[in-house]
Amino acid sequence: MQIILVRHGRPDHGAARWSTPAGMKHWVERYNAAAVVGTERPQALMQLADSVGVVVCSSLQRCVESRSHLKCDCRQEPDPLFAEAHLPYPDWGAPLLPSRIWRVTFRTAWFLGFSSHTEHVKVSSRRAGAAADRLIELAELHGSVLLMGHKIMNVLIARQLRRRGWRGPAFPLLSGYWQPSRYTRTG
């Protein structure tokens, strides 16, 4: 049996390069609404999607659109269970810093328990456990499953899969978009 976790395609968003902490709300909204860069069509991933038993995806637009780029027979409805753990942010109006600094700072703070305007890391981890159970169920039914998911949620799901005896990388490939990470279990 095989479960493949894939990060969605690169969003084509024009979010601000600089932001206040409170302004990160708009950064996240723009990122969530952005279309996927249409010229990127990974041929190897399209072939991989054709070879698996079933392809599923998060309900967020960038995953739905990325899955459509695979040109596979996708009969499963997009599922919010696989949606990204959103970035928290405080309601501070200052200081103005590069958005990248705020993303790293607030994601790190989220892993430490800060969850203003989003679900707590413990809630996301429980959801990742349910997502892992769903993927295992689909793998048992179809032999293999590919999830078009998200960077952080894929990491949380991978942790849950490994706890359940699946073999694969401790951290899914985080270096870029369209990157697959494979998890296997015999029997």
N, C-alpha and C. Protein backbone atom coordinates (compact mmCIF):
# COMPACT_ATOMS: atom_id res chain seq x y z
N MET A 1 0.84 -1.18 0.00
CA MET A 1 0.00 0.00 0.00
C MET A 1 0.89 1.24 0.00
N GLN A 2 0.36 2.29 -0.59
CA GLN A 2 1.15 3.51 -0.72
C GLN A 2 0.26 4.75 -0.55
N ILE A 3 0.78 5.72 0.18
CA ILE A 3 0.15 7.03 0.31
C ILE A 3 1.17 8.05 -0.14
N ILE A 4 0.77 8.92 -1.05
CA ILE A 4 1.67 9.94 -1.58
C ILE A 4 1.13 11.31 -1.19
N LEU A 5 1.92 12.07 -0.47
CA LEU A 5 1.56 13.43 -0.08
C LEU A 5 2.25 14.40 -1.03
N VAL A 6 1.47 15.29 -1.65
CA VAL A 6 2.02 16.25 -2.61
C VAL A 6 1.62 17.65 -2.18
N ARG A 7 2.56 18.57 -2.27
CA ARG A 7 2.23 19.97 -2.03
C ARG A 7 1.68 20.56 -3.33
N HIS A 8 0.64 21.36 -3.20
CA HIS A 8 -0.02 22.02 -4.34
C HIS A 8 0.95 22.81 -5.19
N GLY A 9 0.47 23.26 -6.36
CA GLY A 9 1.26 24.10 -7.25
C GLY A 9 1.47 25.49 -6.68
N ARG A 10 2.39 26.22 -7.28
CA ARG A 10 2.75 27.56 -6.81
C ARG A 10 1.62 28.55 -7.04
N PRO A 11 1.12 29.17 -5.96
CA PRO A 11 0.06 30.19 -6.12
C PRO A 11 0.61 31.44 -6.81
N ASP A 12 -0.19 32.02 -7.67
CA ASP A 12 0.17 33.24 -8.38
C ASP A 12 -0.51 34.40 -7.66
N HIS A 13 0.07 34.78 -6.52
CA HIS A 13 -0.57 35.84 -5.73
C HIS A 13 0.34 37.05 -5.64
N GLY A 14 -0.28 38.19 -5.57
CA GLY A 14 0.45 39.44 -5.49
C GLY A 14 0.32 40.07 -4.13
N ALA A 15 0.45 39.25 -3.09
CA ALA A 15 0.32 39.78 -1.73
C ALA A 15 1.47 40.73 -1.43
N ALA A 16 1.21 41.59 -0.49
CA ALA A 16 2.19 42.62 -0.12
C ALA A 16 3.49 41.99 0.39
N ARG A 17 4.60 42.57 -0.02
CA ARG A 17 5.90 42.09 0.45
C ARG A 17 6.20 42.57 1.86
N TRP A 18 5.55 43.65 2.28
CA TRP A 18 5.70 44.20 3.62
C TRP A 18 4.33 44.24 4.28
N SER A 19 4.31 44.07 5.59
CA SER A 19 3.03 44.04 6.29
C SER A 19 3.21 44.35 7.77
N THR A 20 2.11 44.77 8.36
CA THR A 20 2.03 44.80 9.82
C THR A 20 1.52 43.43 10.25
N PRO A 21 1.60 43.08 11.53
CA PRO A 21 1.03 41.80 11.95
C PRO A 21 -0.45 41.67 11.59
N ALA A 22 -1.24 42.70 11.85
CA ALA A 22 -2.68 42.65 11.52
C ALA A 22 -2.89 42.56 10.01
N GLY A 23 -1.99 43.14 9.23
CA GLY A 23 -2.10 43.08 7.77
C GLY A 23 -1.88 41.70 7.21
N MET A 24 -1.35 40.78 8.01
CA MET A 24 -1.15 39.41 7.54
C MET A 24 -2.49 38.72 7.27
N LYS A 25 -3.55 39.24 7.85
CA LYS A 25 -4.89 38.70 7.53
C LYS A 25 -5.12 38.82 6.03
N HIS A 26 -4.83 39.97 5.46
CA HIS A 26 -5.03 40.19 4.02
C HIS A 26 -4.06 39.37 3.19
N TRP A 27 -2.83 39.20 3.70
CA TRP A 27 -1.85 38.37 3.01
C TRP A 27 -2.39 36.94 2.87
N VAL A 28 -2.90 36.40 3.98
CA VAL A 28 -3.46 35.04 3.98
C VAL A 28 -4.67 34.95 3.04
N GLU A 29 -5.55 35.94 3.09
CA GLU A 29 -6.73 35.94 2.22
C GLU A 29 -6.33 35.94 0.75
N ARG A 30 -5.35 36.74 0.39
CA ARG A 30 -4.89 36.79 -1.01
C ARG A 30 -4.24 35.48 -1.42
N TYR A 31 -3.46 34.91 -0.53
CA TYR A 31 -2.81 33.62 -0.80
C TYR A 31 -3.87 32.55 -1.02
N ASN A 32 -4.90 32.52 -0.17
CA ASN A 32 -5.97 31.52 -0.28
C ASN A 32 -6.79 31.70 -1.55
N ALA A 33 -6.91 32.92 -2.04
CA ALA A 33 -7.72 33.19 -3.23
C ALA A 33 -6.93 33.09 -4.54
N ALA A 34 -5.62 32.98 -4.44
CA ALA A 34 -4.77 33.00 -5.63
C ALA A 34 -4.93 31.74 -6.48
N ALA A 35 -4.88 31.95 -7.79
CA ALA A 35 -4.87 30.82 -8.72
C ALA A 35 -3.47 30.21 -8.73
N VAL A 36 -3.39 28.99 -9.20
CA VAL A 36 -2.11 28.31 -9.34
C VAL A 36 -1.50 28.73 -10.68
N VAL A 37 -0.20 28.92 -10.72
CA VAL A 37 0.49 29.29 -11.95
C VAL A 37 0.18 28.23 -13.01
N GLY A 38 -0.50 28.63 -14.06
CA GLY A 38 -1.01 27.70 -15.06
C GLY A 38 0.03 27.09 -15.97
N THR A 39 1.19 27.70 -16.07
CA THR A 39 2.20 27.18 -16.99
C THR A 39 3.00 26.03 -16.40
N GLU A 40 2.88 25.80 -15.11
CA GLU A 40 3.61 24.72 -14.45
C GLU A 40 2.77 23.45 -14.48
N ARG A 41 3.19 22.49 -15.26
CA ARG A 41 2.48 21.21 -15.35
C ARG A 41 3.49 20.09 -15.25
N PRO A 42 3.70 19.58 -14.06
CA PRO A 42 4.73 18.55 -13.87
C PRO A 42 4.33 17.21 -14.49
N GLN A 43 4.98 16.86 -15.58
CA GLN A 43 4.64 15.64 -16.32
C GLN A 43 4.79 14.38 -15.47
N ALA A 44 5.88 14.29 -14.70
CA ALA A 44 6.10 13.09 -13.87
C ALA A 44 4.99 12.94 -12.84
N LEU A 45 4.53 14.05 -12.27
CA LEU A 45 3.46 13.99 -11.28
C LEU A 45 2.12 13.61 -11.94
N MET A 46 1.92 14.07 -13.18
CA MET A 46 0.71 13.68 -13.92
C MET A 46 0.69 12.17 -14.14
N GLN A 47 1.83 11.61 -14.49
CA GLN A 47 1.93 10.16 -14.68
C GLN A 47 1.72 9.42 -13.37
N LEU A 48 2.27 9.96 -12.29
CA LEU A 48 2.10 9.35 -10.97
C LEU A 48 0.62 9.36 -10.58
N ALA A 49 -0.06 10.47 -10.81
CA ALA A 49 -1.49 10.56 -10.48
C ALA A 49 -2.31 9.55 -11.28
N ASP A 50 -1.91 9.31 -12.52
CA ASP A 50 -2.60 8.32 -13.35
C ASP A 50 -2.38 6.90 -12.84
N SER A 51 -1.29 6.67 -12.13
CA SER A 51 -0.94 5.31 -11.71
C SER A 51 -1.53 4.91 -10.36
N VAL A 52 -2.03 5.87 -9.58
CA VAL A 52 -2.54 5.53 -8.25
C VAL A 52 -4.02 5.16 -8.31
N GLY A 53 -4.48 4.54 -7.23
CA GLY A 53 -5.87 4.10 -7.17
C GLY A 53 -6.87 5.24 -7.06
N VAL A 54 -6.51 6.28 -6.31
CA VAL A 54 -7.42 7.40 -6.12
C VAL A 54 -6.61 8.66 -5.80
N VAL A 55 -7.13 9.81 -6.25
CA VAL A 55 -6.50 11.11 -5.99
C VAL A 55 -7.50 11.95 -5.21
N VAL A 56 -7.06 12.48 -4.07
CA VAL A 56 -7.90 13.33 -3.24
C VAL A 56 -7.21 14.68 -3.05
N CYS A 57 -7.97 15.66 -2.56
CA CYS A 57 -7.35 16.97 -2.34
C CYS A 57 -8.08 17.74 -1.25
N SER A 58 -7.38 18.74 -0.75
CA SER A 58 -7.94 19.70 0.19
C SER A 58 -9.04 20.50 -0.51
N SER A 59 -9.89 21.11 0.28
CA SER A 59 -10.96 21.93 -0.28
C SER A 59 -10.51 23.35 -0.62
N LEU A 60 -9.28 23.72 -0.26
CA LEU A 60 -8.80 25.07 -0.59
C LEU A 60 -8.49 25.16 -2.08
N GLN A 61 -8.79 26.31 -2.65
CA GLN A 61 -8.73 26.52 -4.10
C GLN A 61 -7.42 26.08 -4.74
N ARG A 62 -6.28 26.39 -4.10
CA ARG A 62 -5.00 26.06 -4.72
C ARG A 62 -4.80 24.56 -4.87
N CYS A 63 -5.42 23.77 -3.99
CA CYS A 63 -5.31 22.30 -4.12
C CYS A 63 -6.30 21.77 -5.15
N VAL A 64 -7.50 22.31 -5.16
CA VAL A 64 -8.50 21.89 -6.14
C VAL A 64 -7.97 22.18 -7.55
N GLU A 65 -7.44 23.37 -7.74
CA GLU A 65 -6.91 23.75 -9.05
C GLU A 65 -5.66 22.93 -9.41
N SER A 66 -4.79 22.69 -8.43
CA SER A 66 -3.59 21.87 -8.68
C SER A 66 -3.99 20.47 -9.10
N ARG A 67 -4.97 19.90 -8.43
CA ARG A 67 -5.42 18.56 -8.80
C ARG A 67 -5.95 18.54 -10.22
N SER A 68 -6.66 19.59 -10.61
CA SER A 68 -7.19 19.63 -11.98
C SER A 68 -6.06 19.68 -13.02
N HIS A 69 -4.92 20.26 -12.65
CA HIS A 69 -3.77 20.30 -13.56
C HIS A 69 -3.18 18.91 -13.81
N LEU A 70 -3.47 17.97 -12.94
CA LEU A 70 -2.94 16.61 -13.10
C LEU A 70 -3.67 15.83 -14.18
N LYS A 71 -4.84 16.34 -14.61
CA LYS A 71 -5.62 15.70 -15.67
C LYS A 71 -5.95 14.24 -15.36
N CYS A 72 -6.23 13.97 -14.08
CA CYS A 72 -6.54 12.60 -13.68
C CYS A 72 -8.05 12.42 -13.51
N ASP A 73 -8.47 11.19 -13.37
CA ASP A 73 -9.86 10.87 -13.13
C ASP A 73 -10.12 11.03 -11.63
N CYS A 74 -10.52 12.23 -11.23
CA CYS A 74 -10.67 12.58 -9.81
C CYS A 74 -12.14 12.55 -9.42
N ARG A 75 -12.55 11.46 -8.82
CA ARG A 75 -13.96 11.31 -8.46
C ARG A 75 -14.28 11.73 -7.04
N GLN A 76 -13.26 11.88 -6.22
CA GLN A 76 -13.44 12.26 -4.82
C GLN A 76 -13.68 13.77 -4.72
N GLU A 77 -14.62 14.17 -3.89
CA GLU A 77 -14.87 15.59 -3.65
C GLU A 77 -13.72 16.19 -2.83
N PRO A 78 -13.37 17.46 -3.08
CA PRO A 78 -12.37 18.12 -2.23
C PRO A 78 -12.83 18.07 -0.76
N ASP A 79 -11.89 17.84 0.14
CA ASP A 79 -12.25 17.59 1.54
C ASP A 79 -11.56 18.59 2.47
N PRO A 80 -12.34 19.33 3.28
CA PRO A 80 -11.75 20.29 4.22
C PRO A 80 -10.90 19.63 5.31
N LEU A 81 -11.04 18.32 5.48
CA LEU A 81 -10.21 17.59 6.45
C LEU A 81 -8.73 17.78 6.13
N PHE A 82 -8.39 17.91 4.85
CA PHE A 82 -7.00 18.03 4.42
C PHE A 82 -6.52 19.48 4.29
N ALA A 83 -7.37 20.45 4.64
CA ALA A 83 -7.04 21.88 4.46
C ALA A 83 -5.86 22.30 5.33
N GLU A 84 -5.17 23.32 4.88
CA GLU A 84 -3.99 23.82 5.58
C GLU A 84 -4.34 24.36 6.96
N ALA A 85 -3.40 24.21 7.87
CA ALA A 85 -3.48 24.87 9.17
C ALA A 85 -3.08 26.32 8.92
N HIS A 86 -4.02 27.22 9.02
CA HIS A 86 -3.77 28.60 8.64
C HIS A 86 -2.80 29.31 9.57
N LEU A 87 -2.23 30.35 9.05
CA LEU A 87 -1.25 31.16 9.77
C LEU A 87 -1.97 32.04 10.81
N PRO A 88 -1.53 32.01 12.06
CA PRO A 88 -2.11 32.93 13.05
C PRO A 88 -1.51 34.32 12.87
N TYR A 89 -2.15 35.30 13.48
CA TYR A 89 -1.59 36.65 13.47
C TYR A 89 -2.24 37.45 14.60
N PRO A 90 -1.50 38.35 15.21
CA PRO A 90 -2.09 39.22 16.23
C PRO A 90 -2.71 40.45 15.56
N ASP A 91 -3.45 41.22 16.32
CA ASP A 91 -4.11 42.40 15.78
C ASP A 91 -3.29 43.67 15.96
N TRP A 92 -1.98 43.57 15.94
CA TRP A 92 -1.11 44.73 16.11
C TRP A 92 -1.02 45.50 14.80
N GLY A 93 -1.08 46.83 14.91
CA GLY A 93 -0.97 47.68 13.72
C GLY A 93 0.46 48.04 13.36
N ALA A 94 1.42 47.59 14.12
CA ALA A 94 2.82 47.90 13.85
C ALA A 94 3.66 46.78 14.47
N PRO A 95 4.87 46.60 14.06
CA PRO A 95 5.64 47.35 13.07
C PRO A 95 5.45 46.79 11.66
N LEU A 96 5.87 47.56 10.72
CA LEU A 96 5.86 47.16 9.31
C LEU A 96 7.18 46.44 9.02
N LEU A 97 7.07 45.16 8.65
CA LEU A 97 8.25 44.34 8.35
C LEU A 97 7.97 43.51 7.10
N PRO A 98 8.99 42.89 6.52
CA PRO A 98 8.73 42.01 5.38
C PRO A 98 7.76 40.89 5.77
N SER A 99 6.81 40.62 4.91
CA SER A 99 5.80 39.59 5.18
C SER A 99 6.44 38.24 5.46
N ARG A 100 7.55 37.96 4.82
CA ARG A 100 8.25 36.69 5.04
C ARG A 100 8.67 36.53 6.51
N ILE A 101 9.12 37.61 7.12
CA ILE A 101 9.51 37.56 8.53
C ILE A 101 8.30 37.24 9.39
N TRP A 102 7.18 37.90 9.10
CA TRP A 102 5.97 37.61 9.87
C TRP A 102 5.52 36.16 9.67
N ARG A 103 5.60 35.64 8.45
CA ARG A 103 5.18 34.25 8.19
C ARG A 103 6.01 33.27 9.02
N VAL A 104 7.31 33.45 9.02
CA VAL A 104 8.18 32.56 9.79
C VAL A 104 7.93 32.72 11.29
N THR A 105 7.82 33.96 11.73
CA THR A 105 7.61 34.24 13.15
C THR A 105 6.29 33.66 13.64
N PHE A 106 5.21 33.92 12.89
CA PHE A 106 3.89 33.47 13.36
C PHE A 106 3.71 31.96 13.21
N ARG A 107 4.35 31.34 12.20
CA ARG A 107 4.26 29.88 12.08
C ARG A 107 5.02 29.22 13.23
N THR A 108 6.18 29.77 13.56
CA THR A 108 6.94 29.25 14.70
C THR A 108 6.13 29.40 15.98
N ALA A 109 5.52 30.57 16.16
CA ALA A 109 4.69 30.82 17.34
C ALA A 109 3.49 29.87 17.37
N TRP A 110 2.95 29.54 16.20
CA TRP A 110 1.81 28.61 16.14
C TRP A 110 2.22 27.23 16.66
N PHE A 111 3.40 26.76 16.24
CA PHE A 111 3.88 25.47 16.72
C PHE A 111 4.09 25.49 18.23
N LEU A 112 4.29 26.68 18.81
CA LEU A 112 4.46 26.82 20.25
C LEU A 112 3.15 27.11 20.98
N GLY A 113 2.04 27.18 20.24
CA GLY A 113 0.73 27.33 20.88
C GLY A 113 -0.03 28.61 20.58
N PHE A 114 0.56 29.56 19.86
CA PHE A 114 -0.14 30.81 19.51
C PHE A 114 -1.14 30.51 18.38
N SER A 115 -2.40 30.86 18.59
CA SER A 115 -3.40 30.50 17.58
C SER A 115 -4.43 31.60 17.31
N SER A 116 -4.05 32.84 17.48
CA SER A 116 -4.98 33.94 17.22
C SER A 116 -5.48 33.90 15.77
N HIS A 117 -6.79 33.83 15.60
CA HIS A 117 -7.46 33.82 14.30
C HIS A 117 -7.34 32.50 13.53
N THR A 118 -6.94 31.43 14.18
CA THR A 118 -6.87 30.13 13.51
C THR A 118 -7.00 29.02 14.54
N GLU A 119 -7.06 27.78 14.07
CA GLU A 119 -7.16 26.67 15.01
C GLU A 119 -5.82 26.43 15.70
N HIS A 120 -5.87 25.95 16.92
CA HIS A 120 -4.68 25.65 17.71
C HIS A 120 -3.94 24.47 17.09
N VAL A 121 -2.63 24.42 17.29
CA VAL A 121 -1.82 23.34 16.76
C VAL A 121 -2.34 21.97 17.21
N LYS A 122 -2.86 21.87 18.42
CA LYS A 122 -3.39 20.59 18.91
C LYS A 122 -4.63 20.17 18.12
N VAL A 123 -5.46 21.13 17.76
CA VAL A 123 -6.66 20.85 16.94
C VAL A 123 -6.22 20.41 15.54
N SER A 124 -5.25 21.11 14.97
CA SER A 124 -4.73 20.72 13.65
C SER A 124 -4.11 19.33 13.70
N SER A 125 -3.42 19.02 14.77
CA SER A 125 -2.81 17.69 14.90
C SER A 125 -3.87 16.60 14.99
N ARG A 126 -4.94 16.87 15.72
CA ARG A 126 -6.05 15.89 15.77
C ARG A 126 -6.69 15.72 14.39
N ARG A 127 -6.84 16.83 13.68
CA ARG A 127 -7.40 16.77 12.32
C ARG A 127 -6.46 16.00 11.39
N ALA A 128 -5.15 16.18 11.57
CA ALA A 128 -4.17 15.44 10.78
C ALA A 128 -4.27 13.94 11.08
N GLY A 129 -4.56 13.58 12.32
CA GLY A 129 -4.76 12.18 12.66
C GLY A 129 -5.97 11.61 11.94
N ALA A 130 -7.05 12.37 11.91
CA ALA A 130 -8.25 11.93 11.18
C ALA A 130 -7.96 11.86 9.68
N ALA A 131 -7.17 12.80 9.16
CA ALA A 131 -6.80 12.79 7.74
C ALA A 131 -5.95 11.56 7.42
N ALA A 132 -5.00 11.23 8.30
CA ALA A 132 -4.18 10.03 8.11
C ALA A 132 -5.06 8.79 8.09
N ASP A 133 -6.01 8.71 9.01
CA ASP A 133 -6.92 7.56 9.05
C ASP A 133 -7.71 7.46 7.75
N ARG A 134 -8.16 8.58 7.22
CA ARG A 134 -8.91 8.59 5.97
C ARG A 134 -8.04 8.13 4.81
N LEU A 135 -6.80 8.61 4.75
CA LEU A 135 -5.88 8.21 3.68
C LEU A 135 -5.56 6.71 3.78
N ILE A 136 -5.39 6.21 4.99
CA ILE A 136 -5.12 4.78 5.18
C ILE A 136 -6.33 3.96 4.70
N GLU A 137 -7.51 4.41 5.05
CA GLU A 137 -8.74 3.75 4.60
C GLU A 137 -8.80 3.69 3.07
N LEU A 138 -8.47 4.81 2.42
CA LEU A 138 -8.48 4.86 0.96
C LEU A 138 -7.39 3.98 0.36
N ALA A 139 -6.22 3.96 0.99
CA ALA A 139 -5.12 3.11 0.50
C ALA A 139 -5.49 1.63 0.63
N GLU A 140 -6.16 1.27 1.72
CA GLU A 140 -6.59 -0.12 1.90
C GLU A 140 -7.63 -0.50 0.85
N LEU A 141 -8.46 0.43 0.49
CA LEU A 141 -9.52 0.19 -0.49
C LEU A 141 -8.99 0.18 -1.93
N HIS A 142 -8.07 1.11 -2.25
CA HIS A 142 -7.61 1.29 -3.63
C HIS A 142 -6.16 0.87 -3.88
N GLY A 143 -5.43 0.50 -2.85
CA GLY A 143 -4.03 0.12 -3.00
C GLY A 143 -3.06 1.29 -2.90
N SER A 144 -3.48 2.44 -3.40
CA SER A 144 -2.65 3.64 -3.32
C SER A 144 -3.53 4.87 -3.40
N VAL A 145 -3.04 5.96 -2.80
CA VAL A 145 -3.78 7.22 -2.80
C VAL A 145 -2.78 8.36 -2.88
N LEU A 146 -3.13 9.39 -3.64
CA LEU A 146 -2.33 10.61 -3.74
C LEU A 146 -3.16 11.75 -3.16
N LEU A 147 -2.59 12.48 -2.21
CA LEU A 147 -3.24 13.65 -1.64
C LEU A 147 -2.57 14.90 -2.17
N MET A 148 -3.35 15.77 -2.81
CA MET A 148 -2.88 17.09 -3.20
C MET A 148 -3.18 17.98 -2.00
N GLY A 149 -2.14 18.25 -1.21
CA GLY A 149 -2.34 18.95 0.05
C GLY A 149 -1.45 20.17 0.20
N HIS A 150 -1.10 20.44 1.45
CA HIS A 150 -0.41 21.67 1.84
C HIS A 150 0.86 21.38 2.62
N LYS A 151 1.71 22.35 2.68
CA LYS A 151 3.01 22.21 3.33
C LYS A 151 2.90 21.77 4.80
N ILE A 152 2.27 22.55 5.62
CA ILE A 152 2.22 22.26 7.05
C ILE A 152 1.31 21.06 7.35
N MET A 153 0.15 21.00 6.73
CA MET A 153 -0.74 19.88 7.00
C MET A 153 -0.12 18.56 6.54
N ASN A 154 0.61 18.57 5.42
CA ASN A 154 1.29 17.35 4.99
C ASN A 154 2.32 16.89 6.03
N VAL A 155 3.01 17.84 6.65
CA VAL A 155 3.97 17.49 7.70
C VAL A 155 3.23 16.83 8.87
N LEU A 156 2.11 17.41 9.27
CA LEU A 156 1.34 16.85 10.39
C LEU A 156 0.77 15.47 10.04
N ILE A 157 0.30 15.31 8.81
CA ILE A 157 -0.22 14.01 8.37
C ILE A 157 0.91 12.98 8.32
N ALA A 158 2.07 13.38 7.82
CA ALA A 158 3.22 12.47 7.75
C ALA A 158 3.58 11.96 9.14
N ARG A 159 3.57 12.85 10.11
CA ARG A 159 3.86 12.45 11.49
C ARG A 159 2.87 11.39 11.96
N GLN A 160 1.59 11.59 11.64
CA GLN A 160 0.56 10.63 12.04
C GLN A 160 0.71 9.30 11.31
N LEU A 161 1.06 9.34 10.02
CA LEU A 161 1.26 8.11 9.27
C LEU A 161 2.41 7.30 9.87
N ARG A 162 3.50 7.96 10.19
CA ARG A 162 4.66 7.28 10.77
C ARG A 162 4.32 6.68 12.13
N ARG A 163 3.52 7.37 12.91
CA ARG A 163 3.07 6.82 14.20
C ARG A 163 2.22 5.57 14.02
N ARG A 164 1.57 5.47 12.87
CA ARG A 164 0.72 4.32 12.58
C ARG A 164 1.47 3.21 11.83
N GLY A 165 2.78 3.33 11.77
CA GLY A 165 3.59 2.27 11.20
C GLY A 165 3.94 2.40 9.73
N TRP A 166 3.61 3.51 9.10
CA TRP A 166 3.95 3.73 7.69
C TRP A 166 5.40 4.20 7.60
N ARG A 167 6.08 3.79 6.54
CA ARG A 167 7.46 4.20 6.31
C ARG A 167 7.53 5.27 5.25
N GLY A 168 8.32 6.29 5.54
CA GLY A 168 8.51 7.40 4.62
C GLY A 168 9.25 8.51 5.34
N PRO A 169 9.51 9.60 4.66
CA PRO A 169 10.28 10.68 5.28
C PRO A 169 9.57 11.30 6.48
N ALA A 170 10.37 11.67 7.49
CA ALA A 170 9.81 12.32 8.68
C ALA A 170 9.16 13.65 8.30
N PHE A 171 9.76 14.32 7.34
CA PHE A 171 9.20 15.57 6.85
C PHE A 171 9.01 15.44 5.34
N PRO A 172 7.77 15.62 4.85
CA PRO A 172 7.57 15.59 3.40
C PRO A 172 8.45 16.65 2.74
N LEU A 173 8.72 16.46 1.47
CA LEU A 173 9.56 17.41 0.75
C LEU A 173 8.96 18.82 0.86
N LEU A 174 9.69 19.68 1.51
CA LEU A 174 9.18 21.03 1.79
C LEU A 174 9.82 22.07 0.88
N SER A 175 10.73 21.65 0.04
CA SER A 175 11.52 22.62 -0.72
C SER A 175 10.77 23.31 -1.83
N GLY A 176 9.68 22.76 -2.28
CA GLY A 176 9.01 23.40 -3.39
C GLY A 176 7.60 22.88 -3.60
N TYR A 177 6.97 23.45 -4.59
CA TYR A 177 5.62 23.05 -4.95
C TYR A 177 5.67 21.80 -5.82
N TRP A 178 4.56 21.09 -5.89
CA TRP A 178 4.40 19.89 -6.71
C TRP A 178 5.28 18.73 -6.23
N GLN A 179 5.82 18.78 -5.04
CA GLN A 179 6.76 17.76 -4.58
C GLN A 179 6.03 16.59 -3.90
N PRO A 180 6.23 15.36 -4.40
CA PRO A 180 5.60 14.18 -3.78
C PRO A 180 6.53 13.55 -2.72
N SER A 181 5.92 13.04 -1.67
CA SER A 181 6.61 12.25 -0.64
C SER A 181 5.81 10.97 -0.47
N ARG A 182 6.50 9.83 -0.52
CA ARG A 182 5.83 8.52 -0.51
C ARG A 182 5.92 7.86 0.86
N TYR A 183 4.81 7.24 1.27
CA TYR A 183 4.71 6.49 2.50
C TYR A 183 4.16 5.11 2.15
N THR A 184 4.80 4.08 2.69
CA THR A 184 4.39 2.72 2.35
C THR A 184 4.20 1.88 3.60
N ARG A 185 3.39 0.86 3.43
CA ARG A 185 3.18 -0.14 4.47
C ARG A 185 2.86 -1.45 3.79
N THR A 186 3.44 -2.52 4.26
CA THR A 186 3.12 -3.82 3.70
C THR A 186 2.06 -4.48 4.57
N GLY A 187 1.26 -5.31 3.91
CA GLY A 187 0.25 -6.08 4.66
C GLY A 187 -1.00 -5.43 4.90
